[in-house]
């Protein structure tokens, strides 16, 4: 599955799933466990996008926060789900 497919898949989510691991190795195991439990892939992808955004926001807050805007770059920013999640937060995002 390509990166370009992950955002559209997550947009079909109907259930909130929490991904608690901050380590990518443990998060990968958590995603496999979710699949084994029968959670839908789109819900898992939405949960993963949410976890990435919340982790980034946590790091930003610990570093002194942001005043009015920040830039998210890379793969996660190129999908629509994380962009909407950021937009629903108090931060304004700029695509790069």
PDB file of N, CA and C in Angstrom:
ATOM      1  N   UNK A   1       0.845  -1.171   0.000  1.00  0.00           N
ATOM      2  CA  UNK A   1       0.000   0.000   0.000  1.00  0.00           C
ATOM      3  C   UNK A   1       0.894   1.238   0.000  1.00  0.00           C
ATOM      4  N   UNK A   2       0.584   2.182  -0.870  1.00  0.00           N
ATOM      5  CA  UNK A   2       1.375   3.389  -0.979  1.00  0.00           C
ATOM      6  C   UNK A   2       0.929   4.481  -0.014  1.00  0.00           C
ATOM      7  N   UNK A   3       1.829   5.402   0.249  1.00  0.00           N
ATOM      8  CA  UNK A   3       1.526   6.517   1.138  1.00  0.00           C
ATOM      9  C   UNK A   3       0.305   7.286   0.655  1.00  0.00           C
ATOM     10  N   UNK A   4       0.170   7.432  -0.663  1.00  0.00           N
ATOM     11  CA  UNK A   4      -0.955   8.186  -1.217  1.00  0.00           C
ATOM     12  C   UNK A   4      -2.303   7.529  -0.921  1.00  0.00           C
ATOM     13  N   UNK A   5      -2.302   6.278  -0.489  1.00  0.00           N
ATOM     14  CA  UNK A   5      -3.547   5.576  -0.182  1.00  0.00           C
ATOM     15  C   UNK A   5      -3.944   5.670   1.291  1.00  0.00           C
ATOM     16  N   UNK A   6      -3.006   6.034   2.144  1.00  0.00           N
ATOM     17  CA  UNK A   6      -3.269   6.033   3.578  1.00  0.00           C
ATOM     18  C   UNK A   6      -4.241   7.124   4.014  1.00  0.00           C
ATOM     19  N   UNK A   7      -4.073   8.327   3.494  1.00  0.00           N
ATOM     20  CA  UNK A   7      -4.975   9.428   3.858  1.00  0.00           C
ATOM     21  C   UNK A   7      -6.412   9.146   3.463  1.00  0.00           C
ATOM     22  N   UNK A   8      -6.666   8.782   2.198  1.00  0.00           N
ATOM     23  CA  UNK A   8      -8.039   8.467   1.800  1.00  0.00           C
ATOM     24  C   UNK A   8      -8.638   7.326   2.619  1.00  0.00           C
ATOM     25  N   UNK A   9      -7.804   6.340   2.960  1.00  0.00           N
ATOM     26  CA  UNK A   9      -8.314   5.237   3.783  1.00  0.00           C
ATOM     27  C   UNK A   9      -8.730   5.754   5.165  1.00  0.00           C
ATOM     28  N   UNK A  10      -7.882   6.581   5.777  1.00  0.00           N
ATOM     29  CA  UNK A  10      -8.180   7.116   7.105  1.00  0.00           C
ATOM     30  C   UNK A  10      -9.413   8.010   7.092  1.00  0.00           C
ATOM     31  N   UNK A  11      -9.679   8.651   5.968  1.00  0.00           N
ATOM     32  CA  UNK A  11     -10.858   9.523   5.864  1.00  0.00           C
ATOM     33  C   UNK A  11     -12.163   8.729   5.961  1.00  0.00           C
ATOM     34  N   UNK A  12     -12.101   7.429   5.759  1.00  0.00           N
ATOM     35  CA  UNK A  12     -13.291   6.570   5.833  1.00  0.00           C
ATOM     36  C   UNK A  12     -13.540   6.045   7.241  1.00  0.00           C
ATOM     37  N   UNK A  13     -12.734   6.462   8.174  1.00  0.00           N
ATOM     38  CA  UNK A  13     -12.833   5.984   9.552  1.00  0.00           C
ATOM     39  C   UNK A  13     -14.188   6.318  10.171  1.00  0.00           C
ATOM     40  N   UNK A  14     -14.711   5.366  10.937  1.00  0.00           N
ATOM     41  CA  UNK A  14     -15.982   5.575  11.643  1.00  0.00           C
ATOM     42  C   UNK A  14     -15.829   5.416  13.147  1.00  0.00           C
ATOM     43  N   UNK A  15     -14.632   5.049  13.592  1.00  0.00           N
ATOM     44  CA  UNK A  15     -14.409   4.754  15.007  1.00  0.00           C
ATOM     45  C   UNK A  15     -13.069   5.348  15.434  1.00  0.00           C
ATOM     46  N   UNK A  16     -13.030   5.918  16.622  1.00  0.00           N
ATOM     47  CA  UNK A  16     -11.785   6.471  17.157  1.00  0.00           C
ATOM     48  C   UNK A  16     -10.979   5.362  17.816  1.00  0.00           C
ATOM     49  N   UNK A  17      -9.771   5.182  17.341  1.00  0.00           N
ATOM     50  CA  UNK A  17      -8.858   4.194  17.924  1.00  0.00           C
ATOM     51  C   UNK A  17      -7.636   4.939  18.428  1.00  0.00           C
ATOM     52  N   UNK A  18      -7.253   4.651  19.654  1.00  0.00           N
ATOM     53  CA  UNK A  18      -6.072   5.287  20.240  1.00  0.00           C
ATOM     54  C   UNK A  18      -4.850   4.408  20.037  1.00  0.00           C
ATOM     55  N   UNK A  19      -3.802   5.015  19.521  1.00  0.00           N
ATOM     56  CA  UNK A  19      -2.501   4.358  19.425  1.00  0.00           C
ATOM     57  C   UNK A  19      -1.657   4.982  20.524  1.00  0.00           C
ATOM     58  N   UNK A  20      -1.291   4.188  21.510  1.00  0.00           N
ATOM     59  CA  UNK A  20      -0.646   4.726  22.706  1.00  0.00           C
ATOM     60  C   UNK A  20       0.868   4.747  22.649  1.00  0.00           C
ATOM     61  N   UNK A  21       1.460   3.913  21.826  1.00  0.00           N
ATOM     62  CA  UNK A  21       2.923   3.801  21.770  1.00  0.00           C
ATOM     63  C   UNK A  21       3.536   5.008  21.063  1.00  0.00           C
ATOM     64  N   UNK A  22       4.618   5.517  21.625  1.00  0.00           N
ATOM     65  CA  UNK A  22       5.341   6.593  20.951  1.00  0.00           C
ATOM     66  C   UNK A  22       6.556   6.051  20.205  1.00  0.00           C
ATOM     67  N   UNK A  23       6.990   4.867  20.557  1.00  0.00           N
ATOM     68  CA  UNK A  23       8.089   4.199  19.852  1.00  0.00           C
ATOM     69  C   UNK A  23       7.514   3.550  18.591  1.00  0.00           C
ATOM     70  N   UNK A  24       8.154   3.755  17.451  1.00  0.00           N
ATOM     71  CA  UNK A  24       7.605   3.212  16.205  1.00  0.00           C
ATOM     72  C   UNK A  24       7.577   1.684  16.197  1.00  0.00           C
ATOM     73  N   UNK A  25       8.535   1.048  16.855  1.00  0.00           N
ATOM     74  CA  UNK A  25       8.533  -0.418  16.919  1.00  0.00           C
ATOM     75  C   UNK A  25       7.322  -0.908  17.708  1.00  0.00           C
ATOM     76  N   UNK A  26       7.080  -0.303  18.864  1.00  0.00           N
ATOM     77  CA  UNK A  26       5.933  -0.704  19.681  1.00  0.00           C
ATOM     78  C   UNK A  26       4.620  -0.309  19.011  1.00  0.00           C
ATOM     79  N   UNK A  27       4.605   0.833  18.341  1.00  0.00           N
ATOM     80  CA  UNK A  27       3.395   1.254  17.631  1.00  0.00           C
ATOM     81  C   UNK A  27       3.062   0.256  16.516  1.00  0.00           C
ATOM     82  N   UNK A  28       4.102  -0.238  15.824  1.00  0.00           N
ATOM     83  CA  UNK A  28       3.882  -1.249  14.791  1.00  0.00           C
ATOM     84  C   UNK A  28       3.247  -2.501  15.367  1.00  0.00           C
ATOM     85  N   UNK A  29       3.734  -2.935  16.521  1.00  0.00           N
ATOM     86  CA  UNK A  29       3.155  -4.110  17.186  1.00  0.00           C
ATOM     87  C   UNK A  29       1.717  -3.816  17.607  1.00  0.00           C
ATOM     88  N   UNK A  30       1.473  -2.598  18.068  1.00  0.00           N
ATOM     89  CA  UNK A  30       0.122  -2.207  18.473  1.00  0.00           C
ATOM     90  C   UNK A  30      -0.827  -2.217  17.274  1.00  0.00           C
ATOM     91  N   UNK A  31      -0.344  -1.766  16.115  1.00  0.00           N
ATOM     92  CA  UNK A  31      -1.169  -1.789  14.909  1.00  0.00           C
ATOM     93  C   UNK A  31      -1.500  -3.219  14.507  1.00  0.00           C
ATOM     94  N   UNK A  32      -0.522  -4.113  14.585  1.00  0.00           N
ATOM     95  CA  UNK A  32      -0.777  -5.526  14.262  1.00  0.00           C
ATOM     96  C   UNK A  32      -1.778  -6.142  15.237  1.00  0.00           C
ATOM     97  N   UNK A  33      -1.660  -5.780  16.522  1.00  0.00           N
ATOM     98  CA  UNK A  33      -2.621  -6.267  17.516  1.00  0.00           C
ATOM     99  C   UNK A  33      -4.034  -5.782  17.199  1.00  0.00           C
ATOM    100  N   UNK A  34      -4.142  -4.528  16.791  1.00  0.00           N
ATOM    101  CA  UNK A  34      -5.455  -3.975  16.433  1.00  0.00           C
ATOM    102  C   UNK A  34      -6.075  -4.724  15.259  1.00  0.00           C
ATOM    103  N   UNK A  35      -5.256  -5.032  14.264  1.00  0.00           N
ATOM    104  CA  UNK A  35      -5.740  -5.814  13.119  1.00  0.00           C
ATOM    105  C   UNK A  35      -6.208  -7.191  13.570  1.00  0.00           C
ATOM    106  N   UNK A  36      -5.427  -7.820  14.448  1.00  0.00           N
ATOM    107  CA  UNK A  36      -5.773  -9.153  14.951  1.00  0.00           C
ATOM    108  C   UNK A  36      -7.070  -9.128  15.763  1.00  0.00           C
ATOM    109  N   UNK A  37      -7.336  -7.999  16.417  1.00  0.00           N
ATOM    110  CA  UNK A  37      -8.576  -7.857  17.199  1.00  0.00           C
ATOM    111  C   UNK A  37      -9.786  -7.573  16.314  1.00  0.00           C
ATOM    112  N   UNK A  38      -9.528  -7.336  15.037  1.00  0.00           N
ATOM    113  CA  UNK A  38     -10.631  -7.121  14.103  1.00  0.00           C
ATOM    114  C   UNK A  38     -10.973  -5.668  13.830  1.00  0.00           C
ATOM    115  N   UNK A  39     -10.154  -4.735  14.329  1.00  0.00           N
ATOM    116  CA  UNK A  39     -10.403  -3.321  14.024  1.00  0.00           C
ATOM    117  C   UNK A  39     -10.200  -3.082  12.533  1.00  0.00           C
ATOM    118  N   UNK A  40     -10.965  -2.179  11.972  1.00  0.00           N
ATOM    119  CA  UNK A  40     -10.872  -1.872  10.546  1.00  0.00           C
ATOM    120  C   UNK A  40      -9.594  -1.088  10.253  1.00  0.00           C
ATOM    121  N   UNK A  41      -9.028  -1.356   9.076  1.00  0.00           N
ATOM    122  CA  UNK A  41      -7.800  -0.670   8.668  1.00  0.00           C
ATOM    123  C   UNK A  41      -7.976   0.847   8.644  1.00  0.00           C
ATOM    124  N   UNK A  42      -9.116   1.327   8.164  1.00  0.00           N
ATOM    125  CA  UNK A  42      -9.314   2.774   8.096  1.00  0.00           C
ATOM    126  C   UNK A  42      -9.345   3.401   9.485  1.00  0.00           C
ATOM    127  N   UNK A  43      -9.902   2.695  10.476  1.00  0.00           N
ATOM    128  CA  UNK A  43      -9.914   3.214  11.839  1.00  0.00           C
ATOM    129  C   UNK A  43      -8.506   3.212  12.434  1.00  0.00           C
ATOM    130  N   UNK A  44      -7.748   2.184  12.127  1.00  0.00           N
ATOM    131  CA  UNK A  44      -6.364   2.101  12.607  1.00  0.00           C
ATOM    132  C   UNK A  44      -5.529   3.216  11.988  1.00  0.00           C
ATOM    133  N   UNK A  45      -5.684   3.458  10.681  1.00  0.00           N
ATOM    134  CA  UNK A  45      -4.923   4.519  10.014  1.00  0.00           C
ATOM    135  C   UNK A  45      -5.289   5.888  10.592  1.00  0.00           C
ATOM    136  N   UNK A  46      -6.560   6.114  10.844  1.00  0.00           N
ATOM    137  CA  UNK A  46      -6.980   7.388  11.447  1.00  0.00           C
ATOM    138  C   UNK A  46      -6.367   7.531  12.837  1.00  0.00           C
ATOM    139  N   UNK A  47      -6.324   6.431  13.601  1.00  0.00           N
ATOM    140  CA  UNK A  47      -5.709   6.449  14.924  1.00  0.00           C
ATOM    141  C   UNK A  47      -4.219   6.739  14.854  1.00  0.00           C
ATOM    142  N   UNK A  48      -3.572   6.174  13.854  1.00  0.00           N
ATOM    143  CA  UNK A  48      -2.142   6.423  13.667  1.00  0.00           C
ATOM    144  C   UNK A  48      -1.882   7.881  13.308  1.00  0.00           C
ATOM    145  N   UNK A  49      -2.688   8.430  12.402  1.00  0.00           N
ATOM    146  CA  UNK A  49      -2.544   9.850  12.054  1.00  0.00           C
ATOM    147  C   UNK A  49      -2.757  10.728  13.283  1.00  0.00           C
ATOM    148  N   UNK A  50      -3.765  10.407  14.070  1.00  0.00           N
ATOM    149  CA  UNK A  50      -4.045  11.170  15.293  1.00  0.00           C
ATOM    150  C   UNK A  50      -2.841  11.109  16.230  1.00  0.00           C
ATOM    151  N   UNK A  51      -2.266   9.916  16.404  1.00  0.00           N
ATOM    152  CA  UNK A  51      -1.122   9.750  17.300  1.00  0.00           C
ATOM    153  C   UNK A  51       0.077  10.572  16.835  1.00  0.00           C
ATOM    154  N   UNK A  52       0.317  10.602  15.528  1.00  0.00           N
ATOM    155  CA  UNK A  52       1.438  11.381  14.985  1.00  0.00           C
ATOM    156  C   UNK A  52       1.245  12.866  15.279  1.00  0.00           C
ATOM    157  N   UNK A  53       0.048  13.355  15.035  1.00  0.00           N
ATOM    158  CA  UNK A  53      -0.234  14.780  15.272  1.00  0.00           C
ATOM    159  C   UNK A  53      -0.130  15.121  16.754  1.00  0.00           C
ATOM    160  N   UNK A  54      -0.709  14.284  17.614  1.00  0.00           N
ATOM    161  CA  UNK A  54      -0.652  14.562  19.052  1.00  0.00           C
ATOM    162  C   UNK A  54       0.780  14.528  19.571  1.00  0.00           C
ATOM    163  N   UNK A  55       1.582  13.612  19.044  1.00  0.00           N
ATOM    164  CA  UNK A  55       2.995  13.540  19.448  1.00  0.00           C
ATOM    165  C   UNK A  55       3.738  14.806  19.032  1.00  0.00           C
ATOM    166  N   UNK A  56       3.510  15.235  17.813  1.00  0.00           N
ATOM    167  CA  UNK A  56       4.157  16.463  17.339  1.00  0.00           C
ATOM    168  C   UNK A  56       3.720  17.662  18.168  1.00  0.00           C
ATOM    169  N   UNK A  57       2.444  17.743  18.473  1.00  0.00           N
ATOM    170  CA  UNK A  57       1.934  18.872  19.268  1.00  0.00           C
ATOM    171  C   UNK A  57       2.529  18.839  20.681  1.00  0.00           C
ATOM    172  N   UNK A  58       2.711  17.643  21.233  1.00  0.00           N
ATOM    173  CA  UNK A  58       3.313  17.505  22.554  1.00  0.00           C
ATOM    174  C   UNK A  58       4.759  17.996  22.556  1.00  0.00           C
ATOM    175  N   UNK A  59       5.504  17.609  21.531  1.00  0.00           N
ATOM    176  CA  UNK A  59       6.896  18.054  21.420  1.00  0.00           C
ATOM    177  C   UNK A  59       6.961  19.570  21.257  1.00  0.00           C
ATOM    178  N   UNK A  60       6.072  20.112  20.442  1.00  0.00           N
ATOM    179  CA  UNK A  60       6.032  21.570  20.263  1.00  0.00           C
ATOM    180  C   UNK A  60       5.717  22.277  21.573  1.00  0.00           C
ATOM    181  N   UNK A  61       4.773  21.748  22.318  1.00  0.00           N
ATOM    182  CA  UNK A  61       4.391  22.374  23.588  1.00  0.00           C
ATOM    183  C   UNK A  61       5.555  22.362  24.573  1.00  0.00           C
ATOM    184  N   UNK A  62       6.294  21.265  24.622  1.00  0.00           N
ATOM    185  CA  UNK A  62       7.435  21.169  25.537  1.00  0.00           C
ATOM    186  C   UNK A  62       8.583  22.079  25.128  1.00  0.00           C
ATOM    187  N   UNK A  63       8.631  22.419  23.859  1.00  0.00           N
ATOM    188  CA  UNK A  63       9.729  23.279  23.395  1.00  0.00           C
ATOM    189  C   UNK A  63       9.381  24.760  23.493  1.00  0.00           C
ATOM    190  N   UNK A  64       8.307  25.068  24.142  1.00  0.00           N
ATOM    191  CA  UNK A  64       7.921  26.463  24.313  1.00  0.00           C
ATOM    192  C   UNK A  64       6.665  26.833  23.557  1.00  0.00           C
ATOM    193  N   UNK A  65       6.140  25.891  22.819  1.00  0.00           N
ATOM    194  CA  UNK A  65       4.886  26.134  22.119  1.00  0.00           C
ATOM    195  C   UNK A  65       5.060  26.895  20.821  1.00  0.00           C
ATOM    196  N   UNK A  66       3.943  27.192  20.231  1.00  0.00           N
ATOM    197  CA  UNK A  66       3.928  27.961  18.991  1.00  0.00           C
ATOM    198  C   UNK A  66       3.046  29.175  19.208  1.00  0.00           C
ATOM    199  N   UNK A  67       3.340  30.202  18.496  1.00  0.00           N
ATOM    200  CA  UNK A  67       2.571  31.435  18.696  1.00  0.00           C
ATOM    201  C   UNK A  67       1.389  31.534  17.767  1.00  0.00           C
ATOM    202  N   UNK A  68       1.572  31.292  16.474  1.00  0.00           N
ATOM    203  CA  UNK A  68       0.417  31.393  15.587  1.00  0.00           C
ATOM    204  C   UNK A  68       0.447  30.414  14.422  1.00  0.00           C
ATOM    205  N   UNK A  69       1.609  29.848  14.106  1.00  0.00           N
ATOM    206  CA  UNK A  69       1.644  28.923  12.982  1.00  0.00           C
ATOM    207  C   UNK A  69       2.909  28.083  13.012  1.00  0.00           C
ATOM    208  N   UNK A  70       2.805  26.902  12.421  1.00  0.00           N
ATOM    209  CA  UNK A  70       3.981  26.047  12.249  1.00  0.00           C
ATOM    210  C   UNK A  70       3.808  25.267  10.955  1.00  0.00           C
ATOM    211  N   UNK A  71       4.894  24.648  10.507  1.00  0.00           N
ATOM    212  CA  UNK A  71       4.868  23.928   9.238  1.00  0.00           C
ATOM    213  C   UNK A  71       5.088  22.449   9.483  1.00  0.00           C
ATOM    214  N   UNK A  72       4.209  21.656   8.941  1.00  0.00           N
ATOM    215  CA  UNK A  72       4.338  20.196   8.971  1.00  0.00           C
ATOM    216  C   UNK A  72       4.812  19.786   7.587  1.00  0.00           C
ATOM    217  N   UNK A  73       5.910  19.046   7.495  1.00  0.00           N
ATOM    218  CA  UNK A  73       6.416  18.600   6.198  1.00  0.00           C
ATOM    219  C   UNK A  73       6.492  17.078   6.179  1.00  0.00           C
ATOM    220  N   UNK A  74       6.728  16.532   5.006  1.00  0.00           N
ATOM    221  CA  UNK A  74       6.934  15.093   4.893  1.00  0.00           C
ATOM    222  C   UNK A  74       5.666  14.326   4.602  1.00  0.00           C
ATOM    223  N   UNK A  75       5.784  13.007   4.690  1.00  0.00           N
ATOM    224  CA  UNK A  75       4.705  12.102   4.307  1.00  0.00           C
ATOM    225  C   UNK A  75       3.394  12.327   5.027  1.00  0.00           C
ATOM    226  N   UNK A  76       3.436  12.496   6.345  1.00  0.00           N
ATOM    227  CA  UNK A  76       2.190  12.665   7.084  1.00  0.00           C
ATOM    228  C   UNK A  76       1.442  13.917   6.665  1.00  0.00           C
ATOM    229  N   UNK A  77       2.150  14.967   6.353  1.00  0.00           N
ATOM    230  CA  UNK A  77       1.513  16.229   5.990  1.00  0.00           C
ATOM    231  C   UNK A  77       0.872  16.151   4.608  1.00  0.00           C
ATOM    232  N   UNK A  78       1.334  15.232   3.788  1.00  0.00           N
ATOM    233  CA  UNK A  78       0.815  15.134   2.429  1.00  0.00           C
ATOM    234  C   UNK A  78      -0.506  14.382   2.336  1.00  0.00           C
ATOM    235  N   UNK A  79      -0.985  13.855   3.439  1.00  0.00           N
ATOM    236  CA  UNK A  79      -2.281  13.182   3.425  1.00  0.00           C
ATOM    237  C   UNK A  79      -3.318  14.073   4.080  1.00  0.00           C
ATOM    238  N   UNK A  80      -4.554  13.926   3.678  1.00  0.00           N
ATOM    239  CA  UNK A  80      -5.594  14.848   4.129  1.00  0.00           C
ATOM    240  C   UNK A  80      -5.998  14.657   5.588  1.00  0.00           C
ATOM    241  N   UNK A  81      -5.978  13.447   6.098  1.00  0.00           N
ATOM    242  CA  UNK A  81      -6.431  13.197   7.466  1.00  0.00           C
ATOM    243  C   UNK A  81      -5.620  13.977   8.503  1.00  0.00           C
ATOM    244  N   UNK A  82      -4.275  13.876   8.507  1.00  0.00           N
ATOM    245  CA  UNK A  82      -3.528  14.664   9.484  1.00  0.00           C
ATOM    246  C   UNK A  82      -3.731  16.165   9.302  1.00  0.00           C
ATOM    247  N   UNK A  83      -3.874  16.609   8.078  1.00  0.00           N
ATOM    248  CA  UNK A  83      -4.102  18.033   7.833  1.00  0.00           C
ATOM    249  C   UNK A  83      -5.376  18.490   8.504  1.00  0.00           C
ATOM    250  N   UNK A  84      -6.420  17.704   8.390  1.00  0.00           N
ATOM    251  CA  UNK A  84      -7.684  18.054   9.047  1.00  0.00           C
ATOM    252  C   UNK A  84      -7.551  18.001  10.555  1.00  0.00           C
ATOM    253  N   UNK A  85      -6.790  17.024  11.060  1.00  0.00           N
ATOM    254  CA  UNK A  85      -6.584  16.911  12.496  1.00  0.00           C
ATOM    255  C   UNK A  85      -5.858  18.147  13.019  1.00  0.00           C
ATOM    256  N   UNK A  86      -4.838  18.588  12.303  1.00  0.00           N
ATOM    257  CA  UNK A  86      -4.125  19.809  12.701  1.00  0.00           C
ATOM    258  C   UNK A  86      -5.053  21.004  12.646  1.00  0.00           C
ATOM    259  N   UNK A  87      -5.827  21.080  11.602  1.00  0.00           N
ATOM    260  CA  UNK A  87      -6.740  22.211  11.448  1.00  0.00           C
ATOM    261  C   UNK A  87      -7.760  22.248  12.571  1.00  0.00           C
ATOM    262  N   UNK A  88      -8.137  21.072  13.084  1.00  0.00           N
ATOM    263  CA  UNK A  88      -9.114  21.055  14.170  1.00  0.00           C
ATOM    264  C   UNK A  88      -8.462  21.367  15.511  1.00  0.00           C
ATOM    265  N   UNK A  89      -7.123  21.352  15.551  1.00  0.00           N
ATOM    266  CA  UNK A  89      -6.410  21.768  16.759  1.00  0.00           C
ATOM    267  C   UNK A  89      -6.339  23.286  16.778  1.00  0.00           C
ATOM    268  N   UNK A  90      -5.712  23.815  17.772  1.00  0.00           N
ATOM    269  CA  UNK A  90      -5.635  25.283  17.838  1.00  0.00           C
ATOM    270  C   UNK A  90      -4.571  25.841  16.922  1.00  0.00           C
ATOM    271  N   UNK A  91      -3.783  24.970  16.294  1.00  0.00           N
ATOM    272  CA  UNK A  91      -2.688  25.447  15.432  1.00  0.00           C
ATOM    273  C   UNK A  91      -3.148  25.623  13.986  1.00  0.00           C
ATOM    274  N   UNK A  92      -2.497  26.539  13.291  1.00  0.00           N
ATOM    275  CA  UNK A  92      -2.707  26.723  11.851  1.00  0.00           C
ATOM    276  C   UNK A  92      -1.532  26.091  11.134  1.00  0.00           C
ATOM    277  N   UNK A  93      -1.784  25.305  10.104  1.00  0.00           N
ATOM    278  CA  UNK A  93      -0.689  24.623   9.423  1.00  0.00           C
ATOM    279  C   UNK A  93      -0.442  25.206   8.060  1.00  0.00           C
ATOM    280  N   UNK A  94       0.777  25.051   7.610  1.00  0.00           N
ATOM    281  CA  UNK A  94       1.179  25.480   6.284  1.00  0.00           C
ATOM    282  C   UNK A  94       1.838  24.313   5.578  1.00  0.00           C
ATOM    283  N   UNK A  95       1.364  23.968   4.381  1.00  0.00           N
ATOM    284  CA  UNK A  95       1.953  22.845   3.632  1.00  0.00           C
ATOM    285  C   UNK A  95       3.252  23.287   2.980  1.00  0.00           C
ATOM    286  N   UNK A  96       4.224  22.405   2.961  1.00  0.00           N
ATOM    287  CA  UNK A  96       5.516  22.644   2.307  1.00  0.00           C
ATOM    288  C   UNK A  96       5.859  21.425   1.490  1.00  0.00           C
TER     289      UNK A  96
END
